[in-house]
Amino acid sequence: MEHSDQSKIKPKWITTSSLKSWVRRHPVSLIFILMIGLPVVTLTLFFTLRPYLSTFDRSGEGDLSSSMSSPNGEYTAELYGVPYGGAAGGVTIWVDVRKTADPNASNAKSIYRAEFHGRNHLEWESDNTLRIETGASIVTRRLP
């Protein structure tokens, strides 16, 4: 009995020429798949992953942990936290700074974001320098 090498046999549907011929035979199907399938996949991924990838567009949506005005009263710093990922997730914290005279929360600027690691504290070192303490790290941000 003669032994044949099965590893050299490739399925017909994997070859490049068969893929090209399918595209040539079904251009309308390909266009339909691309026009409907790609937007559906893109939108699904966007709305599924959005809460995990960014919190910078969530000003005012999290739980306000603390708020502190600058010594001259020009700025107000607000520390927010929002849980993510259910039971296996954690909490993301961020600091928004806005002009005290501007009540519009959409004009707030996010200047810091990190994972929650215990203690959170805001302290103004001067009229435009904010110190942020989160767990073991201390960060200083100077405002314009």
C-alpha atoms as a PDB file:
ATOM      1  CA  MET A   1       0.000   0.000   0.000  1.00  0.00           C
ATOM      2  CA  GLU A   2       1.364   3.372  -0.982  1.00  0.00           C
ATOM      3  CA  HIS A   3       1.442   6.187   1.561  1.00  0.00           C
ATOM      4  CA  SER A   4       0.165   9.568   0.381  1.00  0.00           C
ATOM      5  CA  ASP A   5       1.121  12.886   1.944  1.00  0.00           C
ATOM      6  CA  GLN A   6      -2.142  14.540   3.039  1.00  0.00           C
ATOM      7  CA  SER A   7      -0.402  17.756   4.163  1.00  0.00           C
ATOM      8  CA  LYS A   8       0.090  18.891   0.563  1.00  0.00           C
ATOM      9  CA  ILE A   9      -3.637  18.847  -0.179  1.00  0.00           C
ATOM     10  CA  LYS A  10      -5.271  22.230   0.463  1.00  0.00           C
ATOM     11  CA  PRO A  11      -9.004  22.814   0.575  1.00  0.00           C
ATOM     12  CA  LYS A  12     -10.259  24.666  -2.454  1.00  0.00           C
ATOM     13  CA  TRP A  13     -12.041  27.376  -0.451  1.00  0.00           C
ATOM     14  CA  ILE A  14      -8.752  28.602   1.096  1.00  0.00           C
ATOM     15  CA  THR A  15      -6.918  29.382  -2.124  1.00  0.00           C
ATOM     16  CA  THR A  16      -6.521  33.003  -3.204  1.00  0.00           C
ATOM     17  CA  SER A  17      -7.852  32.375  -6.680  1.00  0.00           C
ATOM     18  CA  SER A  18     -11.124  30.945  -5.351  1.00  0.00           C
ATOM     19  CA  LEU A  19     -11.586  34.001  -3.118  1.00  0.00           C
ATOM     20  CA  LYS A  20     -11.003  36.335  -6.050  1.00  0.00           C
ATOM     21  CA  SER A  21     -13.450  34.400  -8.179  1.00  0.00           C
ATOM     22  CA  TRP A  22     -16.107  34.536  -5.430  1.00  0.00           C
ATOM     23  CA  VAL A  23     -15.712  38.337  -5.228  1.00  0.00           C
ATOM     24  CA  ARG A  24     -15.995  38.619  -9.004  1.00  0.00           C
ATOM     25  CA  ARG A  25     -19.078  36.398  -9.085  1.00  0.00           C
ATOM     26  CA  HIS A  26     -20.841  38.144  -6.154  1.00  0.00           C
ATOM     27  CA  PRO A  27     -20.001  41.883  -6.171  1.00  0.00           C
ATOM     28  CA  VAL A  28     -23.438  42.918  -4.888  1.00  0.00           C
ATOM     29  CA  SER A  29     -23.214  40.503  -1.960  1.00  0.00           C
ATOM     30  CA  LEU A  30     -19.778  41.799  -1.051  1.00  0.00           C
ATOM     31  CA  ILE A  31     -20.966  45.416  -1.139  1.00  0.00           C
ATOM     32  CA  PHE A  32     -23.997  44.514   0.991  1.00  0.00           C
ATOM     33  CA  ILE A  33     -21.821  42.722   3.545  1.00  0.00           C
ATOM     34  CA  LEU A  34     -19.401  45.642   3.746  1.00  0.00           C
ATOM     35  CA  MET A  35     -22.079  48.357   3.914  1.00  0.00           C
ATOM     36  CA  ILE A  36     -24.183  46.615   6.559  1.00  0.00           C
ATOM     37  CA  GLY A  37     -21.737  44.364   8.397  1.00  0.00           C
ATOM     38  CA  LEU A  38     -18.902  46.793   9.070  1.00  0.00           C
ATOM     39  CA  PRO A  39     -21.059  49.566  10.601  1.00  0.00           C
ATOM     40  CA  VAL A  40     -22.883  47.038  12.793  1.00  0.00           C
ATOM     41  CA  VAL A  41     -19.605  45.580  14.072  1.00  0.00           C
ATOM     42  CA  THR A  42     -18.081  49.044  14.545  1.00  0.00           C
ATOM     43  CA  LEU A  43     -21.051  50.415  16.497  1.00  0.00           C
ATOM     44  CA  THR A  44     -21.290  47.290  18.626  1.00  0.00           C
ATOM     45  CA  LEU A  45     -17.616  47.493  19.563  1.00  0.00           C
ATOM     46  CA  PHE A  46     -17.822  51.239  20.210  1.00  0.00           C
ATOM     47  CA  PHE A  47     -20.758  51.053  22.628  1.00  0.00           C
ATOM     48  CA  THR A  48     -19.487  47.877  24.285  1.00  0.00           C
ATOM     49  CA  LEU A  49     -15.943  49.107  24.934  1.00  0.00           C
ATOM     50  CA  ARG A  50     -16.616  52.818  25.523  1.00  0.00           C
ATOM     51  CA  PRO A  51     -17.124  52.585  29.313  1.00  0.00           C
ATOM     52  CA  TYR A  52     -13.832  50.724  29.715  1.00  0.00           C
ATOM     53  CA  LEU A  53     -11.610  52.848  27.476  1.00  0.00           C
ATOM     54  CA  SER A  54     -12.310  56.435  28.431  1.00  0.00           C
ATOM     55  CA  THR A  55     -13.780  58.465  31.231  1.00  0.00           C
ATOM     56  CA  PHE A  56     -12.714  61.860  29.939  1.00  0.00           C
ATOM     57  CA  ASP A  57     -16.110  62.450  28.346  1.00  0.00           C
ATOM     58  CA  ARG A  58     -17.988  61.646  31.560  1.00  0.00           C
ATOM     59  CA  SER A  59     -17.729  64.929  33.438  1.00  0.00           C
ATOM     60  CA  GLY A  60     -20.512  65.028  35.979  1.00  0.00           C
ATOM     61  CA  GLU A  61     -21.542  61.385  35.461  1.00  0.00           C
ATOM     62  CA  GLY A  62     -19.464  59.816  38.220  1.00  0.00           C
ATOM     63  CA  ASP A  63     -19.865  60.108  41.949  1.00  0.00           C
ATOM     64  CA  LEU A  64     -18.460  63.404  43.197  1.00  0.00           C
ATOM     65  CA  SER A  65     -15.943  62.470  45.872  1.00  0.00           C
ATOM     66  CA  SER A  66     -14.655  65.921  46.780  1.00  0.00           C
ATOM     67  CA  SER A  67     -14.664  69.477  45.526  1.00  0.00           C
ATOM     68  CA  MET A  68     -12.277  72.278  46.421  1.00  0.00           C
ATOM     69  CA  SER A  69     -11.925  75.891  45.318  1.00  0.00           C
ATOM     70  CA  SER A  70      -8.526  77.439  44.641  1.00  0.00           C
ATOM     71  CA  PRO A  71      -7.197  79.919  47.247  1.00  0.00           C
ATOM     72  CA  ASN A  72      -8.226  82.925  45.134  1.00  0.00           C
ATOM     73  CA  GLY A  73     -11.560  81.303  44.179  1.00  0.00           C
ATOM     74  CA  GLU A  74     -10.890  81.378  40.426  1.00  0.00           C
ATOM     75  CA  TYR A  75     -10.914  77.580  39.897  1.00  0.00           C
ATOM     76  CA  THR A  76     -12.848  74.661  41.358  1.00  0.00           C
ATOM     77  CA  ALA A  77     -11.337  71.162  41.320  1.00  0.00           C
ATOM     78  CA  GLU A  78     -13.721  68.205  41.495  1.00  0.00           C
ATOM     79  CA  LEU A  79     -12.698  64.595  42.127  1.00  0.00           C
ATOM     80  CA  TYR A  80     -15.018  61.983  40.572  1.00  0.00           C
ATOM     81  CA  GLY A  81     -15.091  58.203  40.662  1.00  0.00           C
ATOM     82  CA  VAL A  82     -16.975  55.694  38.550  1.00  0.00           C
ATOM     83  CA  PRO A  83     -17.009  51.898  38.889  1.00  0.00           C
ATOM     84  CA  TYR A  84     -16.363  49.741  35.842  1.00  0.00           C
ATOM     85  CA  GLY A  85     -16.376  46.064  34.934  1.00  0.00           C
ATOM     86  CA  GLY A  86     -18.856  44.778  37.517  1.00  0.00           C
ATOM     87  CA  ALA A  87     -17.618  42.584  40.371  1.00  0.00           C
ATOM     88  CA  ALA A  88     -14.242  41.947  38.745  1.00  0.00           C
ATOM     89  CA  GLY A  89     -13.670  45.595  37.835  1.00  0.00           C
ATOM     90  CA  GLY A  90     -12.582  48.562  39.870  1.00  0.00           C
ATOM     91  CA  VAL A  91     -13.016  52.303  40.124  1.00  0.00           C
ATOM     92  CA  THR A  92     -11.570  54.935  37.829  1.00  0.00           C
ATOM     93  CA  ILE A  93     -11.073  58.365  39.340  1.00  0.00           C
ATOM     94  CA  TRP A  94     -10.549  61.646  37.539  1.00  0.00           C
ATOM     95  CA  VAL A  95     -10.168  65.309  38.402  1.00  0.00           C
ATOM     96  CA  ASP A  96     -12.083  68.020  36.559  1.00  0.00           C
ATOM     97  CA  VAL A  97     -11.144  71.683  36.886  1.00  0.00           C
ATOM     98  CA  ARG A  98     -13.427  74.515  35.856  1.00  0.00           C
ATOM     99  CA  LYS A  99     -13.634  78.240  36.414  1.00  0.00           C
ATOM    100  CA  THR A 100     -15.745  78.893  39.495  1.00  0.00           C
ATOM    101  CA  ALA A 101     -17.675  81.696  37.769  1.00  0.00           C
ATOM    102  CA  ASP A 102     -18.696  79.323  34.934  1.00  0.00           C
ATOM    103  CA  PRO A 103     -21.567  77.103  36.165  1.00  0.00           C
ATOM    104  CA  ASN A 104     -21.649  75.105  32.899  1.00  0.00           C
ATOM    105  CA  ALA A 105     -20.234  71.656  33.722  1.00  0.00           C
ATOM    106  CA  SER A 106     -19.446  70.979  30.053  1.00  0.00           C
ATOM    107  CA  ASN A 107     -16.664  73.595  30.215  1.00  0.00           C
ATOM    108  CA  ALA A 108     -14.783  71.553  32.826  1.00  0.00           C
ATOM    109  CA  LYS A 109     -11.378  70.257  31.798  1.00  0.00           C
ATOM    110  CA  SER A 110     -10.235  66.793  32.907  1.00  0.00           C
ATOM    111  CA  ILE A 111      -6.644  67.078  34.085  1.00  0.00           C
ATOM    112  CA  TYR A 112      -6.035  63.693  35.721  1.00  0.00           C
ATOM    113  CA  ARG A 113      -7.256  60.099  35.489  1.00  0.00           C
ATOM    114  CA  ALA A 114      -6.117  56.981  37.355  1.00  0.00           C
ATOM    115  CA  GLU A 115      -7.229  53.773  39.017  1.00  0.00           C
ATOM    116  CA  PHE A 116      -8.480  54.066  42.589  1.00  0.00           C
ATOM    117  CA  HIS A 117      -5.885  52.738  45.053  1.00  0.00           C
ATOM    118  CA  GLY A 118      -7.212  53.798  48.421  1.00  0.00           C
ATOM    119  CA  ARG A 119      -6.892  57.379  49.589  1.00  0.00           C
ATOM    120  CA  ASN A 120      -7.815  60.384  47.401  1.00  0.00           C
ATOM    121  CA  HIS A 121      -6.992  63.949  48.349  1.00  0.00           C
ATOM    122  CA  LEU A 122      -6.921  67.311  46.551  1.00  0.00           C
ATOM    123  CA  GLU A 123      -4.883  70.265  47.777  1.00  0.00           C
ATOM    124  CA  TRP A 124      -4.154  73.643  46.189  1.00  0.00           C
ATOM    125  CA  GLU A 125      -0.467  74.562  46.539  1.00  0.00           C
ATOM    126  CA  SER A 126      -1.067  78.008  45.013  1.00  0.00           C
ATOM    127  CA  ASP A 127      -3.758  79.854  43.052  1.00  0.00           C
ATOM    128  CA  ASN A 128      -3.108  77.765  39.921  1.00  0.00           C
ATOM    129  CA  THR A 129      -1.216  74.658  41.141  1.00  0.00           C
ATOM    130  CA  LEU A 130      -3.187  71.608  42.262  1.00  0.00           C
ATOM    131  CA  ARG A 131      -1.714  68.609  44.095  1.00  0.00           C
ATOM    132  CA  ILE A 132      -3.544  65.304  43.664  1.00  0.00           C
ATOM    133  CA  GLU A 133      -2.818  62.445  46.088  1.00  0.00           C
ATOM    134  CA  THR A 134      -4.136  58.999  45.154  1.00  0.00           C
ATOM    135  CA  GLY A 135      -2.896  56.061  47.181  1.00  0.00           C
ATOM    136  CA  ALA A 136       0.911  56.080  47.033  1.00  0.00           C
ATOM    137  CA  SER A 137       1.246  58.584  44.163  1.00  0.00           C
ATOM    138  CA  ILE A 138       1.324  62.370  44.309  1.00  0.00           C
ATOM    139  CA  VAL A 139       0.814  64.400  41.128  1.00  0.00           C
ATOM    140  CA  THR A 140       1.049  68.170  40.709  1.00  0.00           C
ATOM    141  CA  ARG A 141      -0.778  69.974  37.895  1.00  0.00           C
ATOM    142  CA  ARG A 142      -0.249  73.628  37.022  1.00  0.00           C
ATOM    143  CA  LEU A 143      -3.222  75.382  35.432  1.00  0.00           C
ATOM    144  CA  PRO A 144      -2.875  78.168  32.839  1.00  0.00           C
END
